[in-house]
Amino acid sequence: MSDFDQMGIVVDWLDACRKGDLATLLDLYADDAEVKCTCNGTHFSYCGRRELETYWRPRLSAFSSAGFGLEEINPAADGIDLEYSVAGSLRIHASFRFSAEGKIHSTVCEPARQNAHDGCVC
């Protein structure tokens, strides 16, 4: 069992996305963190703070202006699984894994089953 609240970290992640707060969002990630995005039929991987900033900066603007909602959040065997919506309809599934220090080590996002044909903006 970890010494930190994984669910709480993901809720903080969600709050940072809703507010468009890039600095807070990046601080939730480990220095060597990775984001893998399999949305829109493509496979992209972003590693380290600089690449995460490049990935998140335009997306946060879209999230905060379109509306960003929590659909489901559940503990997983090795982290937290989150389903969120953008603009009230586009649903995205994200899996979070954590470092021993309580930072997000990896995030994998993909279209959720409800709107998989629409791709995603994650």
N, C-alpha and C. Protein backbone atom coordinates (compact mmCIF):
# COMPACT_ATOMS: atom_id res chain seq x y z
N MET A 1 0.84 -1.18 0.00
CA MET A 1 0.00 0.00 0.00
C MET A 1 0.89 1.24 0.00
N SER A 2 0.53 2.25 -0.76
CA SER A 2 1.33 3.46 -0.86
C SER A 2 1.07 4.39 0.32
N ASP A 3 2.03 5.28 0.57
CA ASP A 3 1.90 6.26 1.65
C ASP A 3 1.20 7.54 1.19
N PHE A 4 0.72 7.58 -0.02
CA PHE A 4 0.09 8.78 -0.56
C PHE A 4 -1.27 8.43 -1.14
N ASP A 5 -2.08 9.43 -1.31
CA ASP A 5 -3.46 9.27 -1.77
C ASP A 5 -3.52 9.37 -3.29
N GLN A 6 -3.46 8.23 -3.97
CA GLN A 6 -3.49 8.22 -5.43
C GLN A 6 -4.77 8.86 -5.97
N MET A 7 -5.89 8.53 -5.36
CA MET A 7 -7.17 9.10 -5.80
C MET A 7 -7.14 10.62 -5.65
N GLY A 8 -6.60 11.10 -4.55
CA GLY A 8 -6.50 12.54 -4.32
C GLY A 8 -5.63 13.23 -5.35
N ILE A 9 -4.55 12.59 -5.76
CA ILE A 9 -3.68 13.15 -6.79
C ILE A 9 -4.42 13.28 -8.11
N VAL A 10 -5.22 12.27 -8.46
CA VAL A 10 -5.98 12.33 -9.72
C VAL A 10 -7.07 13.41 -9.63
N VAL A 11 -7.67 13.57 -8.47
CA VAL A 11 -8.65 14.65 -8.29
C VAL A 11 -7.95 16.00 -8.45
N ASP A 12 -6.75 16.14 -7.90
CA ASP A 12 -5.98 17.38 -8.09
C ASP A 12 -5.65 17.59 -9.56
N TRP A 13 -5.33 16.51 -10.27
CA TRP A 13 -5.07 16.56 -11.72
C TRP A 13 -6.31 17.09 -12.44
N LEU A 14 -7.46 16.54 -12.09
CA LEU A 14 -8.72 16.96 -12.70
C LEU A 14 -8.99 18.44 -12.43
N ASP A 15 -8.77 18.88 -11.19
CA ASP A 15 -8.97 20.29 -10.84
C ASP A 15 -8.04 21.20 -11.64
N ALA A 16 -6.78 20.80 -11.78
CA ALA A 16 -5.82 21.60 -12.55
C ALA A 16 -6.26 21.70 -14.01
N CYS A 17 -6.77 20.60 -14.56
CA CYS A 17 -7.26 20.63 -15.94
C CYS A 17 -8.46 21.56 -16.07
N ARG A 18 -9.38 21.47 -15.14
CA ARG A 18 -10.58 22.34 -15.18
C ARG A 18 -10.21 23.81 -15.14
N LYS A 19 -9.18 24.14 -14.35
CA LYS A 19 -8.76 25.53 -14.18
C LYS A 19 -7.80 26.00 -15.27
N GLY A 20 -7.31 25.06 -16.08
CA GLY A 20 -6.30 25.41 -17.07
C GLY A 20 -4.97 25.77 -16.44
N ASP A 21 -4.66 25.17 -15.28
CA ASP A 21 -3.48 25.50 -14.49
C ASP A 21 -2.31 24.58 -14.86
N LEU A 22 -1.53 25.00 -15.85
CA LEU A 22 -0.44 24.17 -16.36
C LEU A 22 0.63 23.92 -15.30
N ALA A 23 1.01 24.93 -14.53
CA ALA A 23 2.07 24.76 -13.53
C ALA A 23 1.69 23.71 -12.49
N THR A 24 0.47 23.78 -11.98
CA THR A 24 0.01 22.80 -11.00
C THR A 24 -0.06 21.41 -11.62
N LEU A 25 -0.56 21.33 -12.83
CA LEU A 25 -0.66 20.04 -13.51
C LEU A 25 0.73 19.41 -13.66
N LEU A 26 1.69 20.17 -14.15
CA LEU A 26 3.04 19.63 -14.34
C LEU A 26 3.68 19.22 -13.03
N ASP A 27 3.40 19.94 -11.95
CA ASP A 27 3.96 19.59 -10.64
C ASP A 27 3.43 18.27 -10.10
N LEU A 28 2.32 17.79 -10.62
CA LEU A 28 1.78 16.50 -10.20
C LEU A 28 2.54 15.33 -10.83
N TYR A 29 3.29 15.60 -11.89
CA TYR A 29 4.04 14.57 -12.61
C TYR A 29 5.47 14.46 -12.10
N ALA A 30 6.02 13.23 -12.11
CA ALA A 30 7.43 13.01 -11.83
C ALA A 30 8.26 13.64 -12.95
N ASP A 31 9.52 13.95 -12.66
CA ASP A 31 10.39 14.58 -13.66
C ASP A 31 10.56 13.72 -14.91
N ASP A 32 10.52 12.40 -14.74
CA ASP A 32 10.70 11.49 -15.88
C ASP A 32 9.38 10.88 -16.35
N ALA A 33 8.28 11.54 -16.04
CA ALA A 33 6.95 11.00 -16.37
C ALA A 33 6.75 10.90 -17.88
N GLU A 34 5.78 10.06 -18.23
CA GLU A 34 5.43 9.84 -19.64
C GLU A 34 3.92 9.89 -19.80
N VAL A 35 3.49 10.53 -20.88
CA VAL A 35 2.09 10.52 -21.29
C VAL A 35 2.04 9.82 -22.64
N LYS A 36 1.20 8.79 -22.72
CA LYS A 36 0.96 8.10 -23.99
C LYS A 36 -0.47 8.38 -24.40
N CYS A 37 -0.63 8.88 -25.61
CA CYS A 37 -1.96 9.21 -26.13
C CYS A 37 -2.22 8.35 -27.36
N THR A 38 -3.29 7.59 -27.30
CA THR A 38 -3.67 6.74 -28.44
C THR A 38 -4.97 7.22 -29.06
N CYS A 39 -5.24 8.50 -28.90
CA CYS A 39 -6.47 9.08 -29.44
C CYS A 39 -6.31 9.38 -30.93
N ASN A 40 -7.43 9.57 -31.58
CA ASN A 40 -7.46 9.93 -33.00
C ASN A 40 -6.75 8.92 -33.89
N GLY A 41 -6.65 7.68 -33.44
CA GLY A 41 -6.03 6.65 -34.26
C GLY A 41 -4.52 6.76 -34.36
N THR A 42 -3.91 7.58 -33.53
CA THR A 42 -2.46 7.76 -33.55
C THR A 42 -1.89 7.32 -32.21
N HIS A 43 -0.58 7.17 -32.17
CA HIS A 43 0.11 6.78 -30.94
C HIS A 43 1.24 7.77 -30.70
N PHE A 44 1.09 8.59 -29.68
CA PHE A 44 2.11 9.56 -29.33
C PHE A 44 2.59 9.31 -27.92
N SER A 45 3.87 9.58 -27.68
CA SER A 45 4.45 9.44 -26.36
C SER A 45 5.25 10.70 -26.05
N TYR A 46 5.04 11.25 -24.87
CA TYR A 46 5.71 12.46 -24.43
C TYR A 46 6.40 12.15 -23.11
N CYS A 47 7.70 12.44 -23.02
CA CYS A 47 8.48 12.09 -21.82
C CYS A 47 9.18 13.32 -21.26
N GLY A 48 9.17 13.44 -19.95
CA GLY A 48 9.86 14.54 -19.28
C GLY A 48 9.04 15.82 -19.26
N ARG A 49 9.43 16.71 -18.37
CA ARG A 49 8.65 17.94 -18.13
C ARG A 49 8.48 18.79 -19.39
N ARG A 50 9.53 18.98 -20.16
CA ARG A 50 9.44 19.83 -21.36
C ARG A 50 8.43 19.27 -22.36
N GLU A 51 8.49 17.98 -22.63
CA GLU A 51 7.54 17.38 -23.57
C GLU A 51 6.13 17.36 -23.00
N LEU A 52 5.99 17.15 -21.69
CA LEU A 52 4.66 17.19 -21.08
C LEU A 52 4.06 18.59 -21.20
N GLU A 53 4.89 19.60 -21.03
CA GLU A 53 4.40 20.98 -21.19
C GLU A 53 3.95 21.21 -22.63
N THR A 54 4.71 20.73 -23.59
CA THR A 54 4.33 20.85 -25.01
C THR A 54 3.01 20.14 -25.28
N TYR A 55 2.83 18.98 -24.67
CA TYR A 55 1.60 18.21 -24.84
C TYR A 55 0.40 18.92 -24.20
N TRP A 56 0.55 19.33 -22.93
CA TRP A 56 -0.59 19.82 -22.16
C TRP A 56 -1.00 21.26 -22.45
N ARG A 57 -0.07 22.14 -22.80
CA ARG A 57 -0.41 23.56 -22.96
C ARG A 57 -1.61 23.78 -23.88
N PRO A 58 -1.64 23.28 -25.11
CA PRO A 58 -2.81 23.54 -25.96
C PRO A 58 -4.07 22.79 -25.50
N ARG A 59 -3.89 21.65 -24.89
CA ARG A 59 -5.04 20.86 -24.46
C ARG A 59 -5.76 21.50 -23.27
N LEU A 60 -5.00 22.07 -22.36
CA LEU A 60 -5.62 22.72 -21.20
C LEU A 60 -6.51 23.88 -21.63
N SER A 61 -6.07 24.62 -22.61
CA SER A 61 -6.88 25.73 -23.12
C SER A 61 -8.20 25.20 -23.66
N ALA A 62 -8.13 24.11 -24.42
CA ALA A 62 -9.35 23.50 -24.98
C ALA A 62 -10.24 22.95 -23.88
N PHE A 63 -9.64 22.28 -22.88
CA PHE A 63 -10.42 21.68 -21.79
C PHE A 63 -11.16 22.74 -21.01
N SER A 64 -10.45 23.80 -20.60
CA SER A 64 -11.07 24.78 -19.73
C SER A 64 -12.15 25.58 -20.44
N SER A 65 -12.00 25.81 -21.74
CA SER A 65 -13.03 26.57 -22.46
C SER A 65 -14.22 25.69 -22.86
N ALA A 66 -13.99 24.41 -23.11
CA ALA A 66 -15.06 23.52 -23.57
C ALA A 66 -15.84 22.91 -22.41
N GLY A 67 -15.25 22.87 -21.24
CA GLY A 67 -15.88 22.20 -20.10
C GLY A 67 -15.29 20.82 -19.92
N PHE A 68 -15.02 20.47 -18.70
CA PHE A 68 -14.28 19.27 -18.38
C PHE A 68 -14.97 18.60 -17.21
N GLY A 69 -15.47 17.37 -17.38
CA GLY A 69 -16.26 16.74 -16.33
C GLY A 69 -15.76 15.37 -15.94
N LEU A 70 -15.92 15.05 -14.68
CA LEU A 70 -15.61 13.73 -14.15
C LEU A 70 -16.78 12.80 -14.45
N GLU A 71 -16.51 11.67 -15.07
CA GLU A 71 -17.53 10.66 -15.33
C GLU A 71 -17.37 9.48 -14.37
N GLU A 72 -16.16 8.94 -14.26
CA GLU A 72 -15.88 7.82 -13.35
C GLU A 72 -14.45 7.91 -12.88
N ILE A 73 -14.22 7.51 -11.65
CA ILE A 73 -12.86 7.39 -11.12
C ILE A 73 -12.83 6.14 -10.25
N ASN A 74 -11.87 5.26 -10.53
CA ASN A 74 -11.81 3.97 -9.83
C ASN A 74 -10.37 3.57 -9.55
N PRO A 75 -10.15 2.96 -8.39
CA PRO A 75 -8.83 2.38 -8.15
C PRO A 75 -8.60 1.22 -9.11
N ALA A 76 -7.38 1.07 -9.55
CA ALA A 76 -6.98 -0.06 -10.40
C ALA A 76 -5.90 -0.83 -9.65
N ALA A 77 -5.56 -1.99 -10.14
CA ALA A 77 -4.58 -2.84 -9.46
C ALA A 77 -3.26 -2.10 -9.22
N ASP A 78 -2.86 -1.24 -10.14
CA ASP A 78 -1.57 -0.56 -10.01
C ASP A 78 -1.67 0.95 -10.19
N GLY A 79 -2.82 1.53 -9.87
CA GLY A 79 -2.99 2.98 -10.00
C GLY A 79 -4.45 3.38 -9.94
N ILE A 80 -4.80 4.36 -10.77
CA ILE A 80 -6.16 4.89 -10.83
C ILE A 80 -6.60 4.98 -12.28
N ASP A 81 -7.84 4.60 -12.53
CA ASP A 81 -8.45 4.76 -13.85
C ASP A 81 -9.50 5.86 -13.76
N LEU A 82 -9.49 6.75 -14.74
CA LEU A 82 -10.38 7.90 -14.77
C LEU A 82 -11.07 7.95 -16.12
N GLU A 83 -12.35 8.27 -16.11
CA GLU A 83 -13.05 8.59 -17.35
C GLU A 83 -13.59 9.99 -17.18
N TYR A 84 -13.27 10.85 -18.14
CA TYR A 84 -13.72 12.23 -18.08
C TYR A 84 -14.33 12.63 -19.41
N SER A 85 -15.08 13.72 -19.38
CA SER A 85 -15.71 14.20 -20.61
C SER A 85 -15.25 15.62 -20.89
N VAL A 86 -15.20 15.94 -22.16
CA VAL A 86 -14.89 17.28 -22.63
C VAL A 86 -16.11 17.75 -23.41
N ALA A 87 -16.55 18.96 -23.12
CA ALA A 87 -17.72 19.55 -23.78
C ALA A 87 -18.99 18.73 -23.53
N GLY A 88 -19.01 17.99 -22.43
CA GLY A 88 -20.21 17.27 -22.04
C GLY A 88 -20.50 16.00 -22.81
N SER A 89 -19.69 15.68 -23.83
CA SER A 89 -20.01 14.48 -24.59
C SER A 89 -18.79 13.64 -24.96
N LEU A 90 -17.69 14.23 -25.28
CA LEU A 90 -16.51 13.49 -25.70
C LEU A 90 -15.88 12.85 -24.47
N ARG A 91 -15.87 11.52 -24.41
CA ARG A 91 -15.38 10.82 -23.22
C ARG A 91 -14.01 10.21 -23.49
N ILE A 92 -13.15 10.37 -22.49
CA ILE A 92 -11.77 9.93 -22.58
C ILE A 92 -11.46 9.07 -21.36
N HIS A 93 -10.75 7.97 -21.58
CA HIS A 93 -10.31 7.10 -20.50
C HIS A 93 -8.82 7.36 -20.27
N ALA A 94 -8.42 7.58 -19.03
CA ALA A 94 -7.02 7.79 -18.69
C ALA A 94 -6.64 6.88 -17.54
N SER A 95 -5.50 6.22 -17.68
CA SER A 95 -4.96 5.36 -16.63
C SER A 95 -3.71 6.03 -16.06
N PHE A 96 -3.67 6.16 -14.74
CA PHE A 96 -2.57 6.83 -14.06
C PHE A 96 -1.78 5.80 -13.25
N ARG A 97 -0.46 5.89 -13.33
CA ARG A 97 0.44 5.08 -12.52
C ARG A 97 1.37 6.05 -11.80
N PHE A 98 1.87 5.65 -10.63
CA PHE A 98 2.55 6.59 -9.75
C PHE A 98 3.96 6.13 -9.39
N SER A 99 4.81 7.12 -9.11
CA SER A 99 6.16 6.84 -8.61
C SER A 99 6.08 6.59 -7.10
N ALA A 100 7.16 6.08 -6.55
CA ALA A 100 7.22 5.84 -5.11
C ALA A 100 7.13 7.15 -4.32
N GLU A 101 7.46 8.26 -4.96
CA GLU A 101 7.43 9.57 -4.31
C GLU A 101 6.05 10.21 -4.34
N GLY A 102 5.07 9.55 -4.93
CA GLY A 102 3.72 10.09 -4.96
C GLY A 102 3.44 11.04 -6.10
N LYS A 103 4.21 10.92 -7.16
CA LYS A 103 3.99 11.72 -8.37
C LYS A 103 3.43 10.82 -9.46
N ILE A 104 2.73 11.42 -10.42
CA ILE A 104 2.25 10.65 -11.56
C ILE A 104 3.46 10.26 -12.40
N HIS A 105 3.64 8.96 -12.60
CA HIS A 105 4.76 8.46 -13.40
C HIS A 105 4.36 8.24 -14.85
N SER A 106 3.10 7.83 -15.05
CA SER A 106 2.63 7.65 -16.43
C SER A 106 1.13 7.85 -16.51
N THR A 107 0.72 8.36 -17.66
CA THR A 107 -0.69 8.50 -17.99
C THR A 107 -0.87 7.95 -19.40
N VAL A 108 -1.84 7.09 -19.56
CA VAL A 108 -2.20 6.57 -20.88
C VAL A 108 -3.63 6.99 -21.14
N CYS A 109 -3.86 7.71 -22.24
CA CYS A 109 -5.23 8.12 -22.56
C CYS A 109 -5.66 7.53 -23.89
N GLU A 110 -6.96 7.27 -23.96
CA GLU A 110 -7.56 6.69 -25.16
C GLU A 110 -9.04 7.07 -25.18
N PRO A 111 -9.65 7.03 -26.34
CA PRO A 111 -11.09 7.32 -26.38
C PRO A 111 -11.84 6.29 -25.55
N ALA A 112 -12.81 6.75 -24.78
CA ALA A 112 -13.67 5.83 -24.03
C ALA A 112 -14.66 5.19 -24.98
N ARG A 113 -15.26 4.11 -24.58
CA ARG A 113 -16.15 3.34 -25.45
C ARG A 113 -17.33 4.14 -25.99
N GLN A 114 -17.83 5.14 -25.26
CA GLN A 114 -19.03 5.86 -25.69
C GLN A 114 -18.80 6.68 -26.95
N ASN A 115 -17.61 7.25 -27.09
CA ASN A 115 -17.36 8.13 -28.22
C ASN A 115 -16.09 7.76 -28.97
N ALA A 116 -15.75 6.51 -28.99
CA ALA A 116 -14.51 6.11 -29.63
C ALA A 116 -14.44 6.54 -31.09
N HIS A 117 -15.57 6.64 -31.77
CA HIS A 117 -15.56 7.05 -33.18
C HIS A 117 -15.24 8.53 -33.34
N ASP A 118 -15.35 9.32 -32.27
CA ASP A 118 -15.09 10.75 -32.35
C ASP A 118 -13.62 11.10 -32.12
N GLY A 119 -12.80 10.13 -31.69
CA GLY A 119 -11.44 10.46 -31.32
C GLY A 119 -11.44 11.16 -29.98
N CYS A 120 -10.38 11.90 -29.68
CA CYS A 120 -10.37 12.67 -28.45
C CYS A 120 -9.40 13.83 -28.55
N VAL A 121 -9.53 14.76 -27.64
CA VAL A 121 -8.68 15.94 -27.63
C VAL A 121 -7.64 15.86 -26.54
N CYS A 122 -7.48 14.67 -25.96
CA CYS A 122 -6.56 14.54 -24.84
C CYS A 122 -5.11 14.67 -25.27
